[in-house]
Protein backbone atom coordinates (compact mmCIF):
# COMPACT_ATOMS: atom_id res chain seq x y z
CA MET A 1 64.49 -15.95 -19.61
CA LYS A 2 64.44 -12.21 -20.20
CA LEU A 3 67.65 -10.23 -19.86
CA LYS A 4 66.25 -8.29 -16.90
CA ASN A 5 65.47 -11.51 -15.00
CA LYS A 6 68.89 -12.92 -15.89
CA LEU A 7 70.63 -9.87 -14.45
CA ILE A 8 68.61 -10.01 -11.23
CA LEU A 9 69.16 -13.78 -10.88
CA PHE A 10 72.87 -13.37 -11.56
CA TYR A 11 73.08 -10.57 -8.99
CA CYS A 12 71.30 -12.64 -6.33
CA LEU A 13 73.33 -15.81 -6.95
CA PHE A 14 76.78 -14.36 -7.53
CA VAL A 15 76.73 -11.09 -5.59
CA MET A 16 74.12 -11.01 -2.83
CA LEU A 17 74.41 -14.64 -1.70
CA PRO A 18 78.25 -14.74 -1.64
CA VAL A 19 78.40 -11.39 0.19
CA LEU A 20 75.97 -12.61 2.82
CA VAL A 21 77.83 -15.90 3.23
CA VAL A 22 81.15 -14.10 3.53
CA GLY A 23 79.68 -11.55 5.96
CA ILE A 24 78.23 -14.24 8.20
CA SER A 25 81.43 -16.27 8.03
CA LEU A 26 83.55 -13.25 8.90
CA THR A 27 81.23 -12.41 11.78
CA SER A 28 81.53 -15.93 13.16
CA TYR A 29 85.29 -15.89 12.61
CA TYR A 30 85.64 -12.48 14.27
CA ARG A 31 83.58 -13.69 17.24
CA SER A 32 85.62 -16.88 17.64
CA GLU A 33 88.87 -14.89 17.27
CA ALA A 34 87.74 -12.51 20.00
CA LEU A 35 86.99 -15.46 22.29
CA GLY A 36 90.30 -17.08 21.43
CA ARG A 37 92.22 -13.91 22.19
CA ALA A 38 90.36 -13.50 25.47
CA ILE A 39 91.12 -17.10 26.47
CA ASP A 40 94.78 -16.69 25.55
CA GLN A 41 94.97 -13.42 27.45
CA ALA A 42 93.29 -14.88 30.53
CA THR A 43 95.54 -17.95 30.40
CA ASN A 44 98.65 -15.79 30.15
CA ASN A 45 97.42 -13.54 32.94
CA VAL A 46 96.76 -16.51 35.20
CA ALA A 47 100.24 -17.85 34.48
CA LYS A 48 101.68 -14.41 35.23
CA ILE A 49 99.77 -14.19 38.53
CA LYS A 50 100.93 -17.69 39.40
CA SER A 51 104.54 -16.61 38.92
CA GLN A 52 104.06 -13.38 40.90
CA LEU A 53 102.21 -15.16 43.70
CA SER A 54 104.92 -17.81 43.93
CA SER A 55 107.53 -15.08 44.37
CA LEU A 56 105.33 -13.25 46.87
CA LEU A 57 104.92 -16.36 49.05
CA ARG A 58 108.64 -17.03 49.30
CA VAL A 59 109.14 -14.32 51.92
CA PRO A 60 106.70 -15.79 54.49
CA THR A 61 108.15 -19.23 53.79
CA ASP A 62 111.71 -18.07 54.44
CA ILE A 63 110.61 -16.22 57.62
CA SER A 64 108.82 -19.32 58.92
CA ASN A 65 111.96 -21.39 58.34
CA LEU A 66 113.97 -18.94 60.40
CA LEU A 67 111.42 -18.85 63.22
CA VAL A 68 111.19 -22.63 63.50
CA PHE A 69 114.85 -22.67 64.55
CA ASP A 70 114.70 -19.48 66.62
CA GLN A 71 116.02 -20.47 70.08
CA GLN A 72 114.79 -17.27 71.73
CA LEU A 73 111.23 -18.02 70.52
CA ASN A 74 111.66 -21.57 71.80
CA GLU A 75 112.45 -20.35 75.30
CA LEU A 76 109.74 -17.65 75.23
CA VAL A 77 106.83 -19.96 74.37
CA ASN A 78 107.88 -22.92 76.50
CA THR A 79 108.69 -21.14 79.77
CA ARG A 80 106.16 -21.36 82.58
CA TYR A 81 105.84 -17.87 84.01
CA ALA A 82 105.15 -17.30 87.72
CA ASN A 83 103.42 -13.95 87.33
CA ILE A 84 102.24 -11.47 84.76
CA LEU A 85 105.20 -9.16 85.38
CA GLU A 86 107.67 -11.82 84.38
CA LEU A 87 105.60 -12.63 81.27
CA THR A 88 105.35 -8.97 80.28
CA LYS A 89 109.08 -8.57 80.60
CA ALA A 90 109.66 -11.62 78.37
CA TYR A 91 107.24 -10.29 75.73
CA ASN A 92 108.96 -6.91 75.74
CA ASN A 93 112.38 -8.46 75.28
CA TYR A 94 111.32 -10.46 72.17
CA LYS A 95 111.33 -8.13 69.13
CA VAL A 96 111.83 -10.66 66.28
CA PHE A 97 108.19 -10.62 65.08
CA ASP A 98 108.11 -6.83 65.02
CA LYS A 99 111.40 -6.71 63.14
CA TYR A 100 110.13 -9.02 60.36
CA ILE A 101 106.81 -7.16 60.09
CA LEU A 102 108.61 -3.83 59.68
CA GLN A 103 111.23 -5.25 57.32
CA TYR A 104 108.94 -7.08 54.90
CA ARG A 105 105.96 -5.28 53.43
CA GLU A 106 104.33 -8.56 52.36
CA ILE A 107 103.62 -9.55 56.00
CA SER A 108 100.65 -8.28 57.97
CA ASN A 109 101.26 -10.13 61.25
CA ILE A 110 103.04 -13.13 62.78
CA ARG A 111 101.20 -15.28 65.34
CA PHE A 112 102.35 -18.24 67.42
CA PHE A 113 99.89 -20.59 69.17
CA ILE A 114 101.04 -23.08 71.81
CA ASP A 115 99.46 -25.03 74.67
CA ASN A 116 101.07 -23.03 77.53
CA PRO A 117 98.45 -21.81 80.03
CA THR A 118 100.85 -19.28 81.60
CA LEU A 119 100.84 -17.23 78.37
CA VAL A 120 98.38 -14.48 77.54
CA ASN A 121 97.25 -13.24 74.13
CA ASN A 122 99.27 -10.18 73.11
CA MET A 123 98.15 -10.36 69.44
CA SER A 124 101.38 -12.17 68.58
CA ILE A 125 101.79 -15.08 70.99
CA SER A 126 98.66 -16.76 72.27
CA PRO A 127 97.76 -19.86 74.24
CA VAL A 128 95.61 -22.42 72.40
CA ASP A 129 92.01 -22.17 73.57
CA ALA A 130 88.95 -24.28 72.81
CA ASP A 131 87.86 -22.18 69.83
CA ILE A 132 91.21 -22.58 68.12
CA LYS A 133 91.35 -26.30 68.83
CA SER A 134 87.98 -26.72 67.17
CA SER A 135 88.92 -24.81 63.98
CA ILE A 136 89.42 -26.71 60.72
CA TRP A 137 92.77 -25.18 59.91
CA PHE A 138 94.21 -26.10 63.35
CA ASN A 139 93.18 -29.73 63.05
CA SER A 140 94.50 -29.98 59.45
CA VAL A 141 97.91 -28.72 60.49
CA MET A 142 98.06 -30.94 63.56
CA LYS A 143 97.33 -34.03 61.48
CA ASN A 144 99.93 -33.43 58.76
CA LYS A 145 103.13 -31.76 59.70
CA GLY A 146 104.25 -29.26 57.09
CA ILE A 147 103.46 -25.90 55.58
CA TYR A 148 99.89 -24.97 54.68
CA TRP A 149 98.62 -21.95 52.82
CA LEU A 150 95.06 -21.27 53.94
CA TYR A 151 92.59 -18.45 54.05
CA ILE A 152 91.83 -17.83 57.75
CA PRO A 153 89.23 -15.28 58.85
CA ASP A 154 90.06 -13.37 62.01
CA LYS A 155 87.04 -14.89 63.72
CA ASP A 156 88.76 -18.28 63.50
CA VAL A 157 91.61 -16.84 65.50
CA TYR A 158 89.98 -14.42 67.90
CA SER A 159 86.88 -15.08 69.89
CA ASN A 160 84.27 -12.39 69.63
CA SER A 161 85.92 -10.96 66.49
CA PRO A 162 84.29 -7.67 65.42
CA ALA A 163 82.20 -7.62 62.25
CA GLY A 164 84.06 -6.62 59.09
CA SER A 165 87.38 -7.92 60.25
CA ILE A 166 90.16 -8.19 57.66
CA ASN A 167 90.43 -11.63 56.09
CA LYS A 168 93.90 -12.93 55.35
CA LEU A 169 95.80 -15.58 53.41
CA SER A 170 98.19 -17.12 55.89
CA LEU A 171 101.08 -19.55 56.09
CA VAL A 172 100.38 -22.08 58.86
CA ARG A 173 102.92 -24.70 59.92
CA HIS A 174 103.44 -27.22 62.71
CA VAL A 175 106.36 -26.51 65.11
CA ALA A 176 107.38 -29.35 67.42
CA TYR A 177 109.32 -28.96 70.69
CA PRO A 178 109.98 -32.56 71.73
CA GLU A 179 112.08 -31.62 74.75
CA PHE A 180 109.05 -29.86 76.23
CA ARG A 181 106.57 -32.30 74.77
CA ARG A 182 104.68 -29.43 73.26
CA THR A 183 103.53 -28.53 69.76
CA GLY A 184 103.10 -25.01 68.45
CA ILE A 185 101.42 -23.51 65.39
CA LEU A 186 103.21 -20.72 63.53
CA MET A 187 101.00 -18.41 61.46
CA VAL A 188 102.43 -15.80 59.08
CA GLN A 189 99.61 -13.61 57.75
CA MET A 190 99.91 -11.91 54.36
CA LYS A 191 98.98 -8.29 53.80
CA PRO A 192 95.79 -8.17 51.68
CA GLU A 193 97.05 -5.03 49.94
CA GLY A 194 99.86 -6.95 48.24
CA LEU A 195 97.46 -9.49 46.78
CA GLU A 196 94.95 -6.80 45.81
CA GLN A 197 97.61 -4.81 43.98
CA MET A 198 98.61 -7.94 42.07
CA LEU A 199 95.01 -8.56 40.89
CA TYR A 200 93.89 -4.97 40.47
CA GLN A 201 95.12 -4.54 36.88
CA GLU A 202 93.59 -7.77 35.62
CA PRO A 203 90.94 -7.26 32.88
CA PHE A 204 88.85 -10.22 34.06
CA GLU A 205 87.56 -11.32 37.45
CA THR A 206 90.50 -13.19 38.97
CA LEU A 207 90.55 -15.13 42.27
CA VAL A 208 93.04 -16.91 44.51
CA VAL A 209 91.35 -19.87 46.23
CA ASP A 210 92.74 -22.16 48.93
CA GLU A 211 92.13 -25.90 49.33
CA GLN A 212 89.12 -25.28 51.59
CA GLY A 213 87.38 -23.36 48.78
CA TYR A 214 87.78 -19.96 50.44
CA ILE A 215 88.50 -17.00 48.16
CA ALA A 216 91.72 -15.63 49.65
CA ALA A 217 92.17 -12.78 47.15
CA ALA A 218 90.01 -11.31 44.41
CA LYS A 219 89.78 -8.32 42.12
CA SER A 220 86.35 -7.62 43.61
CA GLN A 221 86.88 -7.07 47.34
CA GLU A 222 83.36 -8.18 48.29
CA GLN A 223 84.19 -11.73 47.16
CA ILE A 224 87.09 -12.18 49.61
CA GLY A 225 86.15 -14.59 52.36
CA GLN A 226 83.36 -16.22 50.37
CA THR A 227 83.55 -19.75 49.14
CA LEU A 228 83.92 -20.82 45.53
CA ASP A 229 80.42 -22.28 45.68
CA SER A 230 78.99 -18.78 46.04
CA LEU A 231 80.01 -18.06 42.43
CA ASP A 232 77.61 -20.78 41.24
CA ILE A 233 80.06 -22.17 38.70
CA GLY A 234 78.40 -24.93 36.71
CA ALA A 235 81.50 -27.12 36.58
CA ASP A 236 83.72 -29.03 38.98
CA LEU A 237 87.00 -27.21 39.64
CA GLY A 238 88.24 -29.87 42.04
CA THR A 239 90.40 -31.72 39.54
CA SER A 240 94.00 -30.61 39.52
CA GLY A 241 95.94 -29.15 36.64
CA GLU A 242 95.64 -26.24 34.24
CA LYS A 243 92.44 -26.14 32.24
CA VAL A 244 90.03 -23.96 30.30
CA ILE A 245 86.36 -24.66 31.06
CA LYS A 246 83.38 -23.43 29.10
CA THR A 247 80.50 -23.35 31.58
CA THR A 248 77.99 -21.06 33.26
CA VAL A 249 78.63 -18.72 36.17
CA LYS A 250 75.44 -17.64 37.95
CA GLY A 251 73.51 -18.76 34.91
CA VAL A 252 75.60 -16.74 32.42
CA ASP A 253 77.65 -18.44 29.69
CA SER A 254 81.24 -17.95 30.71
CA TYR A 255 84.78 -19.27 30.45
CA VAL A 256 86.75 -20.28 33.55
CA ILE A 257 90.56 -20.46 33.41
CA VAL A 258 92.07 -22.51 36.27
CA ASN A 259 95.71 -22.97 37.22
CA GLU A 260 97.25 -24.48 40.35
CA LEU A 261 100.18 -23.31 42.44
CA THR A 262 102.04 -25.40 44.98
CA PRO A 263 104.15 -22.93 46.98
CA LEU A 264 107.65 -23.84 48.07
CA TYR A 265 107.70 -26.59 50.77
CA SER A 266 103.89 -26.46 50.95
CA ILE A 267 101.58 -29.42 51.35
CA SER A 268 98.48 -27.51 50.29
CA LYS A 269 97.79 -25.95 46.92
CA LEU A 270 96.31 -22.67 45.78
CA LYS A 271 94.11 -22.20 42.72
CA ILE A 272 94.22 -19.12 40.49
CA VAL A 273 90.84 -18.77 38.81
CA SER A 274 89.94 -16.27 36.07
CA VAL A 275 86.29 -15.87 35.06
CA PHE A 276 84.83 -13.88 32.17
CA ALA A 277 81.38 -13.89 30.60
CA THR A 278 81.22 -14.84 26.93
CA GLU A 279 78.84 -11.99 26.20
CA ASP A 280 81.26 -9.42 27.59
CA ILE A 281 83.94 -10.59 25.19
CA VAL A 282 81.85 -10.93 22.04
CA LYS A 283 79.53 -7.95 22.55
CA ASP A 284 81.88 -5.61 20.68
CA ALA A 285 82.30 -8.17 17.92
CA ASN A 286 78.53 -8.71 17.80
CA ARG A 287 77.90 -4.97 17.68
CA VAL A 288 80.39 -4.45 14.86
CA SER A 289 79.11 -7.51 13.02
CA THR A 290 75.49 -6.43 13.37
CA LEU A 291 76.31 -2.96 12.12
CA GLY A 292 78.31 -4.44 9.26
CA LEU A 293 75.48 -6.79 8.28
CA ILE A 294 72.96 -3.94 8.35
CA ILE A 295 75.20 -1.85 6.10
CA ILE A 296 75.80 -4.78 3.75
CA LEU A 297 72.08 -5.55 3.52
CA GLY A 298 71.32 -1.88 2.88
CA VAL A 299 73.92 -1.68 0.14
CA LEU A 300 72.70 -4.93 -1.43
CA VAL A 301 69.08 -3.76 -1.44
CA VAL A 302 70.02 -0.41 -3.01
CA ALA A 303 72.21 -2.22 -5.55
CA LEU A 304 69.34 -4.59 -6.37
CA ALA A 305 67.05 -1.62 -7.04
CA MET A 306 69.70 -0.04 -9.24
CA VAL A 307 70.25 -3.28 -11.16
CA ASN A 308 66.50 -3.52 -11.73
CA ALA A 309 66.32 0.08 -12.97
CA ILE A 310 69.39 -0.20 -15.19
CA SER A 311 68.20 -3.49 -16.69
CA PHE A 312 64.81 -1.92 -17.48
CA LEU A 313 66.39 1.05 -19.24
CA MET A 314 68.88 -1.15 -21.09
CA THR A 315 66.34 -3.68 -22.33
CA ASN A 316 63.96 -0.91 -23.44
CA ARG A 317 66.67 0.67 -25.61
CA LEU A 318 67.72 -2.73 -26.96
CA LEU A 319 64.13 -3.45 -28.01
CA ARG A 320 64.05 -0.17 -29.93
CA LEU A 321 67.30 -1.03 -31.68
CA SER A 322 65.98 -4.53 -32.45
CA ARG A 323 62.90 -3.09 -34.20
CA GLN A 324 65.13 -0.87 -36.34
CA LEU A 325 67.30 -3.88 -37.27
CA ASN A 326 64.20 -5.76 -38.35
CA GLN A 327 63.34 -2.93 -40.76
CA VAL A 328 66.81 -3.16 -42.32
CA ALA A 329 66.42 -6.93 -42.61
CA LEU A 330 63.20 -6.30 -44.57
CA GLY A 331 65.14 -4.09 -47.06
CA ASN A 332 64.47 -0.62 -45.72
CA PHE A 333 67.88 1.11 -45.81
CA ASN A 334 66.53 4.55 -44.98
CA VAL A 335 66.15 3.77 -41.26
CA ILE A 336 67.91 6.12 -38.82
CA SER A 337 68.43 5.12 -35.17
CA ASN A 338 67.97 7.97 -32.70
CA ILE A 339 69.04 6.20 -29.47
CA ASP A 340 71.21 8.60 -27.51
CA GLY A 341 73.91 7.88 -24.92
CA ASN A 342 77.65 7.26 -24.66
CA ASP A 343 77.34 3.67 -23.44
CA GLU A 344 77.61 0.52 -25.55
CA ILE A 345 73.99 0.70 -26.72
CA GLY A 346 74.49 4.31 -27.83
CA GLN A 347 77.63 3.18 -29.68
CA LEU A 348 75.65 0.35 -31.30
CA SER A 349 73.05 2.90 -32.40
CA ARG A 350 75.71 5.06 -34.04
CA GLN A 351 77.39 2.03 -35.58
CA PHE A 352 73.97 0.96 -36.88
CA ASN A 353 73.54 4.32 -38.64
CA TYR A 354 77.10 4.05 -39.98
CA MET A 355 76.39 0.51 -41.19
CA VAL A 356 73.22 1.54 -43.02
CA GLY A 357 75.10 4.43 -44.64
CA SER A 358 77.96 2.10 -45.62
CA ILE A 359 75.50 -0.38 -47.14
CA ASN A 360 73.99 2.39 -49.25
CA GLN A 361 77.46 3.49 -50.37
CA LEU A 362 78.43 -0.09 -51.18
CA ILE A 363 75.32 -0.53 -53.26
CA GLU A 364 76.26 2.58 -55.25
CA ARG A 365 79.84 1.37 -55.62
CA VAL A 366 78.71 -2.06 -56.80
CA ILE A 367 76.62 -0.42 -59.48
CA GLU A 368 79.55 1.77 -60.56
CA SER A 369 81.91 -1.23 -60.41
CA ASN A 370 79.66 -3.30 -62.64
CA GLU A 371 79.69 -0.50 -65.20
CA ARG A 372 83.50 -0.23 -65.03
CA ASN A 373 83.90 -4.01 -65.31
CA SER A 374 81.85 -4.01 -68.47
CA LYS A 375 84.07 -1.33 -69.97
CA LEU A 376 87.21 -3.15 -68.75
CA GLU A 377 86.21 -6.40 -70.40
CA LEU A 378 85.92 -4.56 -73.71
CA ALA A 379 89.30 -2.92 -73.21
CA GLN A 380 90.94 -6.26 -72.29
CA LYS A 381 89.65 -7.83 -75.47
CA GLU A 382 91.24 -5.01 -77.48
CA ILE A 383 94.54 -5.43 -75.58
CA LYS A 384 94.58 -9.17 -76.30
CA PHE A 385 94.23 -8.48 -79.99
CA LYS A 386 97.09 -5.95 -79.88
CA MET A 387 99.30 -8.37 -77.88
CA MET A 388 98.72 -11.12 -80.44
CA ALA A 389 99.67 -8.69 -83.19
CA SER A 390 102.83 -7.55 -81.36
CA GLN A 391 104.19 -11.07 -80.90
CA ILE A 392 105.80 -10.83 -84.30
CA ASN A 393 108.14 -8.03 -83.16
CA PRO A 394 110.52 -10.15 -80.93
CA HIS A 395 110.86 -12.78 -83.64
CA PHE A 396 111.68 -10.10 -86.16
CA LEU A 397 114.30 -8.67 -83.77
CA PHE A 398 115.93 -12.07 -83.15
CA ASN A 399 115.99 -12.81 -86.89
CA ALA A 400 117.60 -9.44 -87.59
CA LEU A 401 120.26 -10.01 -84.93
CA GLU A 402 120.94 -13.48 -86.29
CA SER A 403 121.41 -12.04 -89.80
CA ILE A 404 123.86 -9.44 -88.45
CA ARG A 405 125.75 -12.14 -86.53
CA MET A 406 126.04 -14.42 -89.66
CA ASN A 407 127.19 -11.48 -91.81
CA ALA A 408 129.89 -10.57 -89.25
CA HIS A 409 130.98 -14.19 -88.99
CA ILE A 410 131.27 -14.49 -92.82
CA LYS A 411 133.41 -11.35 -92.92
CA GLY A 412 135.68 -12.68 -90.17
CA GLU A 413 134.44 -10.43 -87.36
CA LYS A 414 134.19 -13.28 -84.87
CA GLU A 415 134.22 -11.03 -81.79
CA ILE A 416 131.32 -8.94 -83.12
CA ALA A 417 129.48 -12.07 -84.13
CA ASN A 418 129.90 -13.59 -80.65
CA THR A 419 128.76 -10.36 -78.97
CA VAL A 420 125.64 -10.18 -81.15
CA ARG A 421 124.93 -13.82 -80.28
CA LEU A 422 125.21 -13.10 -76.57
CA LEU A 423 122.97 -10.05 -76.93
CA GLY A 424 120.31 -12.08 -78.66
CA LYS A 425 120.57 -14.80 -76.04
CA LEU A 426 120.28 -12.21 -73.25
CA MET A 427 117.21 -10.63 -74.83
CA ARG A 428 115.57 -14.01 -75.32
CA LYS A 429 116.09 -14.84 -71.61
CA ASN A 430 114.66 -11.47 -70.62
CA LEU A 431 111.52 -12.23 -72.60
CA GLU A 432 111.14 -15.49 -70.64
CA VAL A 433 111.16 -13.93 -67.17
CA GLY A 434 107.42 -14.30 -66.87
CA ARG A 435 107.99 -17.62 -65.09
CA ASP A 436 107.65 -17.68 -61.30
CA MET A 437 110.80 -19.73 -60.74
CA ALA A 438 113.86 -20.57 -62.86
CA PRO A 439 116.96 -22.71 -62.24
CA ILE A 440 120.13 -20.93 -61.16
CA LYS A 441 121.97 -22.15 -64.25
CA ASP A 442 119.70 -19.97 -66.44
CA GLU A 443 120.47 -16.97 -64.22
CA VAL A 444 124.20 -17.78 -64.45
CA GLU A 445 123.96 -17.99 -68.24
CA MET A 446 122.32 -14.53 -68.37
CA ILE A 447 125.01 -13.12 -66.06
CA ARG A 448 127.79 -14.60 -68.18
CA SER A 449 126.24 -13.20 -71.39
CA TYR A 450 125.81 -9.78 -69.77
CA LEU A 451 129.40 -9.69 -68.49
CA GLU A 452 130.81 -10.78 -71.87
CA ILE A 453 128.85 -8.02 -73.64
CA GLN A 454 130.16 -5.47 -71.11
CA LYS A 455 133.66 -6.92 -71.53
CA PHE A 456 133.37 -6.31 -75.27
CA ARG A 457 132.23 -2.77 -74.52
CA TYR A 458 134.80 -1.74 -71.89
CA GLU A 459 137.64 -4.12 -72.96
CA ASP A 460 140.49 -4.00 -70.42
CA ARG A 461 138.63 -1.74 -67.97
CA LEU A 462 136.43 -4.66 -66.88
CA ASP A 463 137.53 -7.96 -65.41
CA TYR A 464 135.23 -10.47 -63.76
CA ASP A 465 135.20 -13.85 -61.99
CA LEU A 466 132.02 -15.99 -62.03
CA SER A 467 132.26 -18.87 -59.53
CA VAL A 468 129.25 -21.18 -59.07
CA ASP A 469 128.96 -24.30 -56.92
CA PRO A 470 127.89 -27.14 -59.30
CA GLU A 471 125.37 -28.36 -56.72
CA CYS A 472 123.48 -25.07 -57.07
CA MET A 473 122.90 -25.21 -60.80
CA ASP A 474 119.55 -27.04 -60.78
CA ILE A 475 118.10 -25.29 -57.72
CA VAL A 476 115.29 -22.94 -58.67
CA MET A 477 114.85 -19.33 -57.54
CA PRO A 478 112.92 -16.26 -58.76
CA PRO A 479 114.40 -15.01 -62.08
CA LEU A 480 116.36 -11.76 -62.47
CA ILE A 481 117.63 -11.70 -58.88
CA ILE A 482 121.41 -11.82 -59.36
CA GLN A 483 121.68 -10.17 -62.81
CA PRO A 484 120.45 -6.73 -61.59
CA LEU A 485 123.09 -6.82 -58.85
CA VAL A 486 125.83 -7.56 -61.41
CA GLU A 487 124.50 -4.79 -63.65
CA ASN A 488 124.56 -2.39 -60.69
CA SER A 489 128.21 -3.28 -59.94
CA VAL A 490 129.30 -2.79 -63.58
CA VAL A 491 127.40 0.41 -64.24
CA HIS A 492 128.06 2.27 -60.98
CA GLY A 493 131.51 0.79 -60.45
CA LEU A 494 132.89 1.77 -63.89
CA GLU A 495 131.09 5.03 -64.48
CA ASN A 496 132.45 6.70 -61.34
CA LYS A 497 135.98 5.33 -61.36
CA GLU A 498 138.93 5.69 -63.69
CA GLY A 499 140.90 2.59 -64.49
CA ALA A 500 139.99 -1.08 -64.37
CA VAL A 501 137.22 -2.59 -62.23
CA ARG A 502 136.88 -6.22 -61.16
CA VAL A 503 133.51 -7.84 -60.50
CA ASP A 504 133.35 -11.12 -58.54
CA VAL A 505 130.18 -13.26 -58.48
CA HIS A 506 130.20 -16.25 -56.11
CA ILE A 507 127.29 -18.68 -55.59
CA VAL A 508 127.83 -21.48 -53.06
CA LEU A 509 125.67 -24.01 -51.21
CA LYS A 510 126.36 -23.96 -47.47
CA ASP A 511 124.30 -25.69 -44.74
CA GLU A 512 121.28 -26.02 -47.06
CA ASN A 513 121.42 -22.25 -47.77
CA ILE A 514 122.40 -20.73 -51.09
CA GLU A 515 124.77 -17.85 -50.39
CA VAL A 516 125.26 -15.27 -53.17
CA MET A 517 127.89 -12.52 -53.20
CA VAL A 518 128.37 -9.82 -55.87
CA ARG A 519 131.44 -7.72 -55.14
CA ASP A 520 133.32 -5.02 -57.09
CA ASP A 521 136.30 -2.80 -56.41
CA GLY A 522 134.73 0.19 -58.11
CA ALA A 523 133.96 3.67 -56.87
CA GLY A 524 131.95 2.56 -53.84
CA MET A 525 129.84 5.07 -51.89
CA SER A 526 129.86 7.24 -48.81
CA GLU A 527 128.25 6.22 -45.53
CA ASP A 528 125.41 8.70 -46.02
CA ARG A 529 124.65 7.37 -49.49
CA LEU A 530 124.85 3.80 -48.22
CA ALA A 531 122.39 4.59 -45.39
CA GLU A 532 120.04 6.25 -47.90
CA ILE A 533 120.11 3.19 -50.20
CA ARG A 534 119.47 0.82 -47.28
CA GLU A 535 116.45 2.89 -46.27
CA VAL A 536 115.13 3.10 -49.85
CA ILE A 537 115.28 -0.64 -50.57
CA SER A 538 113.49 -1.48 -47.29
CA LYS A 539 110.44 0.64 -48.19
CA ALA A 540 107.63 -0.68 -50.36
CA GLU A 541 107.38 1.00 -53.75
CA ASP A 542 104.34 3.29 -54.15
CA GLU A 543 104.05 2.92 -57.92
CA PRO A 544 105.12 0.00 -60.13
CA ARG A 545 108.31 0.67 -62.07
CA SER A 546 109.44 -0.83 -65.34
CA ARG A 547 113.12 -0.94 -64.35
CA ILE A 548 114.27 -3.77 -62.11
CA GLY A 549 116.53 -2.26 -59.43
CA LEU A 550 117.93 -3.00 -55.98
CA ARG A 551 114.61 -2.26 -54.28
CA ASN A 552 112.78 -4.64 -56.62
CA VAL A 553 115.27 -7.44 -55.87
CA HIS A 554 115.17 -6.79 -52.10
CA GLN A 555 111.36 -6.75 -51.95
CA ARG A 556 111.07 -9.98 -53.96
CA LEU A 557 113.59 -11.75 -51.72
CA VAL A 558 111.65 -10.63 -48.64
CA LEU A 559 108.32 -11.74 -50.14
CA TYR A 560 109.66 -15.15 -51.19
CA TYR A 561 111.96 -16.04 -48.30
CA GLY A 562 111.19 -13.77 -45.30
CA GLU A 563 112.38 -10.55 -43.67
CA ASN A 564 115.91 -11.74 -42.86
CA ARG A 565 116.60 -12.91 -46.42
CA GLY A 566 116.86 -9.47 -48.07
CA LEU A 567 119.96 -7.75 -49.46
CA HIS A 568 122.91 -6.88 -47.25
CA ILE A 569 125.00 -4.04 -48.71
CA GLU A 570 128.47 -3.03 -47.53
CA SER A 571 130.50 -0.29 -49.25
CA ARG A 572 133.44 2.04 -48.72
CA GLU A 573 134.01 5.11 -50.81
CA GLY A 574 136.89 4.47 -53.27
CA GLU A 575 137.17 0.76 -52.25
CA GLY A 576 134.09 -0.84 -53.83
CA THR A 577 130.77 -2.41 -52.91
CA CYS A 578 129.75 -5.89 -51.75
CA ILE A 579 126.13 -7.12 -51.94
CA THR A 580 125.21 -10.46 -50.35
CA PHE A 581 122.08 -12.47 -49.65
CA SER A 582 121.19 -16.03 -48.79
CA ILE A 583 118.11 -18.06 -49.61
CA THR A 584 116.79 -21.44 -48.57
CA GLU A 585 116.99 -24.28 -51.02
CA THR A 586 113.47 -24.73 -52.41
CA GLY A 587 114.07 -27.89 -54.40
CA ASP A 588 115.81 -29.36 -57.39
CA HIS A 589 113.90 -28.27 -60.50
CA THR A 590 114.93 -27.74 -64.00
CA ASN A 591 113.44 -25.31 -66.46
C-alpha cells in the first residue's frame, strides 16, 4: 500500500471513526443526562409540592375540627325557626365562619348543609335540596364518615350557577347530631390563589388531582375543573404510590411523575402529577449535539483534505530523494539534492548532501592513509632493527654494575657493593614493567631496593617502615603503582624539609580489598597546592609523558578498577602527606 493511502486509512480508522463514535456517544450521554436531570428535578418538585400542600391543608382540617364541636353552630343549624325574622337574627348573631375566613388566607368560604327546611341559603348555611342530594360528593361523604378532599365545582353546590364560576378544592366531612337525628355536611373551600401561587413557579406542567379525577389545581388555569382523562395520558395513573412513567400525553412522548398525598385525618387521597414532553427537555441537547456534530464533520473533512494534500507533497519529495539515492548506489558521488524545506525531508536532503561529501572525503582519506601506512611499515621495520641492536645496552650496563659491585666487595666496601646490587636489581625490574600485571611481592622488592638506595644516599635523614600483609604477596596488580608514591614521599618530603623524614608503607588485605597507604612526615603542602594536585591528577593527560607520576598512577587505577579506586591524598603543610588507595583482589598469580 502506498504511503498516501496508508495515511488516509490511518486517519479514517484512528481519527475520524473514533471522533464520530465519541461524538455520538457524548450526544447520547448528554441527552440521557438532560432527561435524568429533568426527571430528578420534577420528582423533587413534586415532593416539595406535596410537603407544601400538606401544610396548606392543615388549616382547613383544624378549622373543621373546631366547627364539628361548635355548640353555637349546633344550635343554629338544628333550630326550627317560626319566621324569617327569627332566622335572620340567628344568622346575624353567628360570626364564626366570617371570623375564620378573615383570619386565614387559605380559606375562600365555609359552607354547612343540613336537612332543616326552616333554613334558607345565605351562602354559608344552606338546607339540603334535591340537587345536592344527587351530587356524587354528597353521597360519598354520607356513605363513609370522615374527611374528604374533593374538587367541587360551584354548579354542584348552587343551582343555576353562572358560567365561569370559580372551581375549588374543598374539605368535606360528615357531621352527626344524634340528639336531633340529623346529619350535616361541613364544606371548607380553599382559595384557588393559594394553590396557584404554589404551582406558578414550577418549570413543568404540574397538577393536583382528587380521587374523582378532577384537576383541582394546575399551573395552566384552563385545565382546572377538567378531568385527568382530558390530558389523554397513555398510561394508567390509578395505581397508588410514587412513580415515574414514560408514556405519551396527547400523542407526544412525555414523562409523567406521580406522587400521592393523604392529608391529615383524610379518607381520600390527592395526586400530584408533573408532566413534561421529552422533546422539550432534549431539544437544547439535540441542538447543541447537532451543531457539534456538524462542526466535527466539517473539521474532519477539512483535515482529510489537508492529509491528502500533505501526503501528496511528502511522497513526491520522497520519490525525488529516492531517485538521488539510487544514483549514489550506482556509484555516482557527484549527486546534489536540491529539495528545500525545514521539515524532516528537507533535513534528509541536507544530510544526503553531507553524506555524499563525507564519502568523497573518506575516499580521499583512505587513499592518503594507504600511502602513510606503506611508509609506516617501512619505518617500523627500521625501528625493529634498531631495537634488536639496542638490546645489548642493558646487558652491558648490568655487567658493568656487577663488575663495580664485585670490585667494591673485594676491597671491603660492603655498603657500596650492596647499594650497587640494589641499583642493578631496581633497574632490572624497571626494564620488566612491560607486563600488564605483576605480583605485589615484586613491587615490594622494588620499593625496598629503592628505599635502601635512598637510605644510603641520605643516611640518618631518612627512616622508613615497610609493612606488608603476607596474604597480599601473591596477589597481582599493575606494576609501578606503589613505587612512584614512595618516590614522591622521599623526594618531596626530604627536599623541602630540614632534619629527618620517616616514610611508612603499609599494605593490608581487608574485606577482600587491598588497602595501600604511603605516609611521610615531610614538608607537606598547603591547601591550595593540595587542591591543585587533586585537580591535576583527575584530568586526562593530553600528551604521553615518559615520567611516571601521581597522575599516571591515578589514571591507571581508575582505568583498571573504576572511578572510586583512584588516589586519595591528604596533607598538612609542615606535618607531612598521606596517600591511600584500595583495589579489589583480582586473583592469586605469581610472576
